[in-house]
């Protein structure tokens, strides 16, 4: 019997507090900006393509690390 995926009971709190999700959203925003800039042409940008990719990789790496770390809630407890 297959188990259906379910949201965690405190998913709203997780959305508000989890740094990993904030960093993943930032990575998505940076990826979208990169796509738009690539379509417009990037010759005028002072930042080379490799540097933009390093920044994006750094944000994704930080999100990965943040997801594995215990994060404190408002009461100071690890969640």
PDB file of N, CA and C in Angstrom:
ATOM      1  N   UNK A   1       0.835  -1.172   0.000  1.00  0.00           N
ATOM      2  CA  UNK A   1       0.000   0.000   0.000  1.00  0.00           C
ATOM      3  C   UNK A   1       0.891   1.250   0.000  1.00  0.00           C
ATOM      4  N   UNK A   2       0.610   2.161  -0.912  1.00  0.00           N
ATOM      5  CA  UNK A   2       1.405   3.378  -1.028  1.00  0.00           C
ATOM      6  C   UNK A   2       0.990   4.402   0.014  1.00  0.00           C
ATOM      7  N   UNK A   3       1.988   5.083   0.554  1.00  0.00           N
ATOM      8  CA  UNK A   3       1.694   6.177   1.489  1.00  0.00           C
ATOM      9  C   UNK A   3       1.685   7.475   0.703  1.00  0.00           C
ATOM     10  N   UNK A   4       0.674   8.258   0.908  1.00  0.00           N
ATOM     11  CA  UNK A   4       0.580   9.550   0.235  1.00  0.00           C
ATOM     12  C   UNK A   4       1.433  10.569   0.963  1.00  0.00           C
ATOM     13  N   UNK A   5       2.095  11.440   0.216  1.00  0.00           N
ATOM     14  CA  UNK A   5       2.870  12.503   0.876  1.00  0.00           C
ATOM     15  C   UNK A   5       1.939  13.434   1.649  1.00  0.00           C
ATOM     16  N   UNK A   6       2.389  13.833   2.821  1.00  0.00           N
ATOM     17  CA  UNK A   6       1.598  14.745   3.648  1.00  0.00           C
ATOM     18  C   UNK A   6       2.492  15.878   4.117  1.00  0.00           C
ATOM     19  N   UNK A   7       1.900  17.013   4.355  1.00  0.00           N
ATOM     20  CA  UNK A   7       2.628  18.135   4.933  1.00  0.00           C
ATOM     21  C   UNK A   7       2.862  17.880   6.416  1.00  0.00           C
ATOM     22  N   UNK A   8       3.921  18.447   6.924  1.00  0.00           N
ATOM     23  CA  UNK A   8       4.169  18.361   8.357  1.00  0.00           C
ATOM     24  C   UNK A   8       3.092  19.130   9.105  1.00  0.00           C
ATOM     25  N   UNK A   9       2.774  18.725  10.330  1.00  0.00           N
ATOM     26  CA  UNK A   9       1.719  19.418  11.073  1.00  0.00           C
ATOM     27  C   UNK A   9       2.023  20.902  11.303  1.00  0.00           C
ATOM     28  N   UNK A  10       3.298  21.266  11.432  1.00  0.00           N
ATOM     29  CA  UNK A  10       3.656  22.665  11.697  1.00  0.00           C
ATOM     30  C   UNK A  10       4.278  23.340  10.471  1.00  0.00           C
ATOM     31  N   UNK A  11       3.772  23.003   9.274  1.00  0.00           N
ATOM     32  CA  UNK A  11       4.371  23.506   8.047  1.00  0.00           C
ATOM     33  C   UNK A  11       4.328  25.028   7.952  1.00  0.00           C
ATOM     34  N   UNK A  12       3.326  25.665   8.524  1.00  0.00           N
ATOM     35  CA  UNK A  12       3.258  27.136   8.489  1.00  0.00           C
ATOM     36  C   UNK A  12       4.405  27.753   9.308  1.00  0.00           C
ATOM     37  N   UNK A  13       4.687  27.175  10.458  1.00  0.00           N
ATOM     38  CA  UNK A  13       5.807  27.646  11.274  1.00  0.00           C
ATOM     39  C   UNK A  13       7.130  27.425  10.560  1.00  0.00           C
ATOM     40  N   UNK A  14       7.252  26.287   9.898  1.00  0.00           N
ATOM     41  CA  UNK A  14       8.480  25.994   9.164  1.00  0.00           C
ATOM     42  C   UNK A  14       8.684  27.010   8.051  1.00  0.00           C
ATOM     43  N   UNK A  15       7.631  27.353   7.336  1.00  0.00           N
ATOM     44  CA  UNK A  15       7.741  28.356   6.268  1.00  0.00           C
ATOM     45  C   UNK A  15       8.212  29.700   6.810  1.00  0.00           C
ATOM     46  N   UNK A  16       7.772  30.054   8.006  1.00  0.00           N
ATOM     47  CA  UNK A  16       8.147  31.345   8.596  1.00  0.00           C
ATOM     48  C   UNK A  16       9.560  31.360   9.139  1.00  0.00           C
ATOM     49  N   UNK A  17      10.059  30.229   9.607  1.00  0.00           N
ATOM     50  CA  UNK A  17      11.316  30.226  10.357  1.00  0.00           C
ATOM     51  C   UNK A  17      12.512  29.580   9.660  1.00  0.00           C
ATOM     52  N   UNK A  18      12.294  28.730   8.685  1.00  0.00           N
ATOM     53  CA  UNK A  18      13.389  27.944   8.118  1.00  0.00           C
ATOM     54  C   UNK A  18      14.259  28.776   7.169  1.00  0.00           C
ATOM     55  N   UNK A  19      15.499  28.965   7.548  1.00  0.00           N
ATOM     56  CA  UNK A  19      16.440  29.695   6.692  1.00  0.00           C
ATOM     57  C   UNK A  19      16.701  28.947   5.408  1.00  0.00           C
ATOM     58  N   UNK A  20      16.650  27.635   5.435  1.00  0.00           N
ATOM     59  CA  UNK A  20      16.903  26.868   4.221  1.00  0.00           C
ATOM     60  C   UNK A  20      15.881  27.215   3.139  1.00  0.00           C
ATOM     61  N   UNK A  21      14.633  27.375   3.528  1.00  0.00           N
ATOM     62  CA  UNK A  21      13.611  27.722   2.543  1.00  0.00           C
ATOM     63  C   UNK A  21      13.806  29.134   2.015  1.00  0.00           C
ATOM     64  N   UNK A  22      14.221  30.043   2.872  1.00  0.00           N
ATOM     65  CA  UNK A  22      14.501  31.411   2.414  1.00  0.00           C
ATOM     66  C   UNK A  22      15.635  31.421   1.398  1.00  0.00           C
ATOM     67  N   UNK A  23      16.659  30.626   1.673  1.00  0.00           N
ATOM     68  CA  UNK A  23      17.790  30.573   0.754  1.00  0.00           C
ATOM     69  C   UNK A  23      17.425  29.892  -0.559  1.00  0.00           C
ATOM     70  N   UNK A  24      16.567  28.886  -0.500  1.00  0.00           N
ATOM     71  CA  UNK A  24      16.107  28.236  -1.725  1.00  0.00           C
ATOM     72  C   UNK A  24      15.287  29.215  -2.554  1.00  0.00           C
ATOM     73  N   UNK A  25      14.445  30.012  -1.920  1.00  0.00           N
ATOM     74  CA  UNK A  25      13.691  31.036  -2.647  1.00  0.00           C
ATOM     75  C   UNK A  25      14.626  32.072  -3.267  1.00  0.00           C
ATOM     76  N   UNK A  26      15.660  32.471  -2.538  1.00  0.00           N
ATOM     77  CA  UNK A  26      16.640  33.405  -3.076  1.00  0.00           C
ATOM     78  C   UNK A  26      17.354  32.800  -4.278  1.00  0.00           C
ATOM     79  N   UNK A  27      17.708  31.521  -4.205  1.00  0.00           N
ATOM     80  CA  UNK A  27      18.351  30.848  -5.331  1.00  0.00           C
ATOM     81  C   UNK A  27      17.419  30.818  -6.548  1.00  0.00           C
ATOM     82  N   UNK A  28      16.138  30.585  -6.314  1.00  0.00           N
ATOM     83  CA  UNK A  28      15.174  30.613  -7.414  1.00  0.00           C
ATOM     84  C   UNK A  28      15.069  31.990  -8.040  1.00  0.00           C
ATOM     85  N   UNK A  29      15.073  33.014  -7.208  1.00  0.00           N
ATOM     86  CA  UNK A  29      15.026  34.391  -7.711  1.00  0.00           C
ATOM     87  C   UNK A  29      16.283  34.706  -8.524  1.00  0.00           C
ATOM     88  N   UNK A  30      17.446  34.305  -8.023  1.00  0.00           N
ATOM     89  CA  UNK A  30      18.686  34.539  -8.757  1.00  0.00           C
ATOM     90  C   UNK A  30      18.707  33.784 -10.086  1.00  0.00           C
ATOM     91  N   UNK A  31      18.187  32.569 -10.101  1.00  0.00           N
ATOM     92  CA  UNK A  31      18.113  31.794 -11.336  1.00  0.00           C
ATOM     93  C   UNK A  31      17.199  32.477 -12.349  1.00  0.00           C
ATOM     94  N   UNK A  32      16.058  32.981 -11.873  1.00  0.00           N
ATOM     95  CA  UNK A  32      15.154  33.709 -12.759  1.00  0.00           C
ATOM     96  C   UNK A  32      15.791  34.966 -13.320  1.00  0.00           C
ATOM     97  N   UNK A  33      16.510  35.687 -12.469  1.00  0.00           N
ATOM     98  CA  UNK A  33      17.216  36.892 -12.931  1.00  0.00           C
ATOM     99  C   UNK A  33      18.272  36.528 -13.966  1.00  0.00           C
ATOM    100  N   UNK A  34      18.970  35.459 -13.742  1.00  0.00           N
ATOM    101  CA  UNK A  34      19.995  35.008 -14.694  1.00  0.00           C
ATOM    102  C   UNK A  34      19.372  34.665 -16.038  1.00  0.00           C
ATOM    103  N   UNK A  35      18.210  34.022 -16.017  1.00  0.00           N
ATOM    104  CA  UNK A  35      17.532  33.671 -17.266  1.00  0.00           C
ATOM    105  C   UNK A  35      17.111  34.928 -18.029  1.00  0.00           C
ATOM    106  N   UNK A  36      16.560  35.895 -17.311  1.00  0.00           N
ATOM    107  CA  UNK A  36      16.142  37.149 -17.961  1.00  0.00           C
ATOM    108  C   UNK A  36      17.348  37.894 -18.504  1.00  0.00           C
ATOM    109  N   UNK A  37      18.399  37.979 -17.699  1.00  0.00           N
ATOM    110  CA  UNK A  37      19.598  38.679 -18.151  1.00  0.00           C
ATOM    111  C   UNK A  37      20.232  37.990 -19.352  1.00  0.00           C
ATOM    112  N   UNK A  38      20.230  36.676 -19.376  1.00  0.00           N
ATOM    113  CA  UNK A  38      20.788  35.946 -20.512  1.00  0.00           C
ATOM    114  C   UNK A  38      19.992  36.214 -21.784  1.00  0.00           C
ATOM    115  N   UNK A  39      18.685  36.341 -21.654  1.00  0.00           N
ATOM    116  CA  UNK A  39      17.843  36.630 -22.814  1.00  0.00           C
ATOM    117  C   UNK A  39      18.080  38.051 -23.339  1.00  0.00           C
ATOM    118  N   UNK A  40      18.407  38.969 -22.433  1.00  0.00           N
ATOM    119  CA  UNK A  40      18.628  40.369 -22.819  1.00  0.00           C
ATOM    120  C   UNK A  40      20.052  40.608 -23.306  1.00  0.00           C
ATOM    121  N   UNK A  41      20.955  39.724 -22.991  1.00  0.00           N
ATOM    122  CA  UNK A  41      22.368  39.922 -23.299  1.00  0.00           C
ATOM    123  C   UNK A  41      23.087  40.394 -22.051  1.00  0.00           C
ATOM    124  N   UNK A  42      24.226  39.808 -21.773  1.00  0.00           N
ATOM    125  CA  UNK A  42      24.922  40.103 -20.523  1.00  0.00           C
ATOM    126  C   UNK A  42      26.245  40.814 -20.733  1.00  0.00           C
ATOM    127  N   UNK A  43      26.477  41.334 -21.940  1.00  0.00           N
ATOM    128  CA  UNK A  43      27.752  41.998 -22.206  1.00  0.00           C
ATOM    129  C   UNK A  43      27.933  43.247 -21.351  1.00  0.00           C
ATOM    130  N   UNK A  44      26.864  43.912 -20.998  1.00  0.00           N
ATOM    131  CA  UNK A  44      26.924  45.169 -20.263  1.00  0.00           C
ATOM    132  C   UNK A  44      27.102  44.981 -18.759  1.00  0.00           C
ATOM    133  N   UNK A  45      26.950  43.744 -18.269  1.00  0.00           N
ATOM    134  CA  UNK A  45      27.087  43.494 -16.827  1.00  0.00           C
ATOM    135  C   UNK A  45      28.560  43.479 -16.411  1.00  0.00           C
ATOM    136  N   UNK A  46      28.886  44.121 -15.292  1.00  0.00           N
ATOM    137  CA  UNK A  46      30.279  44.107 -14.837  1.00  0.00           C
ATOM    138  C   UNK A  46      30.696  42.792 -14.168  1.00  0.00           C
ATOM    139  N   UNK A  47      29.743  41.892 -13.925  1.00  0.00           N
ATOM    140  CA  UNK A  47      30.027  40.621 -13.240  1.00  0.00           C
ATOM    141  C   UNK A  47      30.068  39.506 -14.288  1.00  0.00           C
ATOM    142  N   UNK A  48      31.175  38.761 -14.364  1.00  0.00           N
ATOM    143  CA  UNK A  48      31.243  37.675 -15.355  1.00  0.00           C
ATOM    144  C   UNK A  48      30.285  36.531 -15.015  1.00  0.00           C
ATOM    145  N   UNK A  49      29.987  35.722 -16.016  1.00  0.00           N
ATOM    146  CA  UNK A  49      29.047  34.610 -15.855  1.00  0.00           C
ATOM    147  C   UNK A  49      29.533  33.658 -14.772  1.00  0.00           C
ATOM    148  N   UNK A  50      30.816  33.333 -14.741  1.00  0.00           N
ATOM    149  CA  UNK A  50      31.317  32.377 -13.758  1.00  0.00           C
ATOM    150  C   UNK A  50      31.084  32.886 -12.337  1.00  0.00           C
ATOM    151  N   UNK A  51      31.199  34.212 -12.127  1.00  0.00           N
ATOM    152  CA  UNK A  51      30.991  34.775 -10.787  1.00  0.00           C
ATOM    153  C   UNK A  51      29.521  34.664 -10.382  1.00  0.00           C
ATOM    154  N   UNK A  52      28.619  34.879 -11.322  1.00  0.00           N
ATOM    155  CA  UNK A  52      27.185  34.737 -11.012  1.00  0.00           C
ATOM    156  C   UNK A  52      26.852  33.293 -10.659  1.00  0.00           C
ATOM    157  N   UNK A  53      27.483  32.351 -11.341  1.00  0.00           N
ATOM    158  CA  UNK A  53      27.242  30.937 -11.046  1.00  0.00           C
ATOM    159  C   UNK A  53      27.827  30.567  -9.677  1.00  0.00           C
ATOM    160  N   UNK A  54      28.968  31.141  -9.326  1.00  0.00           N
ATOM    161  CA  UNK A  54      29.564  30.883  -8.010  1.00  0.00           C
ATOM    162  C   UNK A  54      28.646  31.413  -6.906  1.00  0.00           C
ATOM    163  N   UNK A  55      28.068  32.596  -7.125  1.00  0.00           N
ATOM    164  CA  UNK A  55      27.136  33.171  -6.141  1.00  0.00           C
ATOM    165  C   UNK A  55      25.921  32.248  -5.973  1.00  0.00           C
ATOM    166  N   UNK A  56      25.353  31.813  -7.086  1.00  0.00           N
ATOM    167  CA  UNK A  56      24.188  30.925  -7.030  1.00  0.00           C
ATOM    168  C   UNK A  56      24.541  29.611  -6.341  1.00  0.00           C
ATOM    169  N   UNK A  57      25.696  29.036  -6.668  1.00  0.00           N
ATOM    170  CA  UNK A  57      26.125  27.791  -6.029  1.00  0.00           C
ATOM    171  C   UNK A  57      26.332  27.999  -4.529  1.00  0.00           C
ATOM    172  N   UNK A  58      26.864  29.156  -4.154  1.00  0.00           N
ATOM    173  CA  UNK A  58      27.058  29.463  -2.730  1.00  0.00           C
ATOM    174  C   UNK A  58      25.737  29.545  -1.980  1.00  0.00           C
ATOM    175  N   UNK A  59      24.734  30.177  -2.596  1.00  0.00           N
ATOM    176  CA  UNK A  59      23.420  30.275  -1.953  1.00  0.00           C
ATOM    177  C   UNK A  59      22.793  28.891  -1.812  1.00  0.00           C
ATOM    178  N   UNK A  60      22.893  28.076  -2.851  1.00  0.00           N
ATOM    179  CA  UNK A  60      22.340  26.716  -2.767  1.00  0.00           C
ATOM    180  C   UNK A  60      23.086  25.868  -1.739  1.00  0.00           C
ATOM    181  N   UNK A  61      24.400  26.028  -1.665  1.00  0.00           N
ATOM    182  CA  UNK A  61      25.173  25.308  -0.654  1.00  0.00           C
ATOM    183  C   UNK A  61      24.780  25.729   0.753  1.00  0.00           C
ATOM    184  N   UNK A  62      24.567  27.035   0.940  1.00  0.00           N
ATOM    185  CA  UNK A  62      24.135  27.533   2.247  1.00  0.00           C
ATOM    186  C   UNK A  62      22.754  26.982   2.603  1.00  0.00           C
ATOM    187  N   UNK A  63      21.867  26.876   1.612  1.00  0.00           N
ATOM    188  CA  UNK A  63      20.538  26.308   1.862  1.00  0.00           C
ATOM    189  C   UNK A  63      20.649  24.848   2.288  1.00  0.00           C
ATOM    190  N   UNK A  64      21.541  24.115   1.654  1.00  0.00           N
ATOM    191  CA  UNK A  64      21.741  22.707   2.002  1.00  0.00           C
ATOM    192  C   UNK A  64      22.236  22.579   3.446  1.00  0.00           C
ATOM    193  N   UNK A  65      23.218  23.388   3.798  1.00  0.00           N
ATOM    194  CA  UNK A  65      23.760  23.346   5.159  1.00  0.00           C
ATOM    195  C   UNK A  65      22.695  23.782   6.166  1.00  0.00           C
ATOM    196  N   UNK A  66      21.955  24.844   5.847  1.00  0.00           N
ATOM    197  CA  UNK A  66      20.920  25.343   6.760  1.00  0.00           C
ATOM    198  C   UNK A  66      19.831  24.301   6.981  1.00  0.00           C
ATOM    199  N   UNK A  67      19.546  23.506   5.971  1.00  0.00           N
ATOM    200  CA  UNK A  67      18.505  22.482   6.110  1.00  0.00           C
ATOM    201  C   UNK A  67      18.941  21.394   7.089  1.00  0.00           C
ATOM    202  N   UNK A  68      20.232  21.137   7.162  1.00  0.00           N
ATOM    203  CA  UNK A  68      20.733  20.088   8.044  1.00  0.00           C
ATOM    204  C   UNK A  68      20.953  20.570   9.474  1.00  0.00           C
ATOM    205  N   UNK A  69      21.031  21.877   9.670  1.00  0.00           N
ATOM    206  CA  UNK A  69      21.283  22.426  10.999  1.00  0.00           C
ATOM    207  C   UNK A  69      19.989  22.551  11.792  1.00  0.00           C
ATOM    208  N   UNK A  70      20.084  22.375  13.093  1.00  0.00           N
ATOM    209  CA  UNK A  70      18.935  22.607  13.965  1.00  0.00           C
ATOM    210  C   UNK A  70      18.761  24.109  14.107  1.00  0.00           C
ATOM    211  N   UNK A  71      17.545  24.580  13.903  1.00  0.00           N
ATOM    212  CA  UNK A  71      17.265  26.002  13.984  1.00  0.00           C
ATOM    213  C   UNK A  71      16.382  26.259  15.197  1.00  0.00           C
ATOM    214  N   UNK A  72      16.672  27.327  15.917  1.00  0.00           N
ATOM    215  CA  UNK A  72      15.917  27.646  17.123  1.00  0.00           C
ATOM    216  C   UNK A  72      14.607  28.330  16.764  1.00  0.00           C
ATOM    217  N   UNK A  73      13.557  28.015  17.529  1.00  0.00           N
ATOM    218  CA  UNK A  73      12.288  28.719  17.361  1.00  0.00           C
ATOM    219  C   UNK A  73      12.288  29.944  18.270  1.00  0.00           C
ATOM    220  N   UNK A  74      11.173  30.635  18.364  1.00  0.00           N
ATOM    221  CA  UNK A  74      11.077  31.866  19.148  1.00  0.00           C
ATOM    222  C   UNK A  74      11.355  31.640  20.633  1.00  0.00           C
ATOM    223  N   UNK A  75      11.069  30.440  21.119  1.00  0.00           N
ATOM    224  CA  UNK A  75      11.263  30.130  22.530  1.00  0.00           C
ATOM    225  C   UNK A  75      12.695  29.706  22.860  1.00  0.00           C
ATOM    226  N   UNK A  76      13.548  29.607  21.841  1.00  0.00           N
ATOM    227  CA  UNK A  76      14.914  29.196  22.060  1.00  0.00           C
ATOM    228  C   UNK A  76      15.132  27.700  21.974  1.00  0.00           C
ATOM    229  N   UNK A  77      14.093  26.954  21.657  1.00  0.00           N
ATOM    230  CA  UNK A  77      14.215  25.506  21.525  1.00  0.00           C
ATOM    231  C   UNK A  77      14.624  25.172  20.091  1.00  0.00           C
ATOM    232  N   UNK A  78      15.374  24.092  19.967  1.00  0.00           N
ATOM    233  CA  UNK A  78      15.761  23.634  18.651  1.00  0.00           C
ATOM    234  C   UNK A  78      14.593  22.890  18.031  1.00  0.00           C
ATOM    235  N   UNK A  79      14.346  23.195  16.752  1.00  0.00           N
ATOM    236  CA  UNK A  79      13.235  22.542  16.076  1.00  0.00           C
ATOM    237  C   UNK A  79      13.614  21.920  14.783  1.00  0.00           C
TER     238      UNK A  79
END
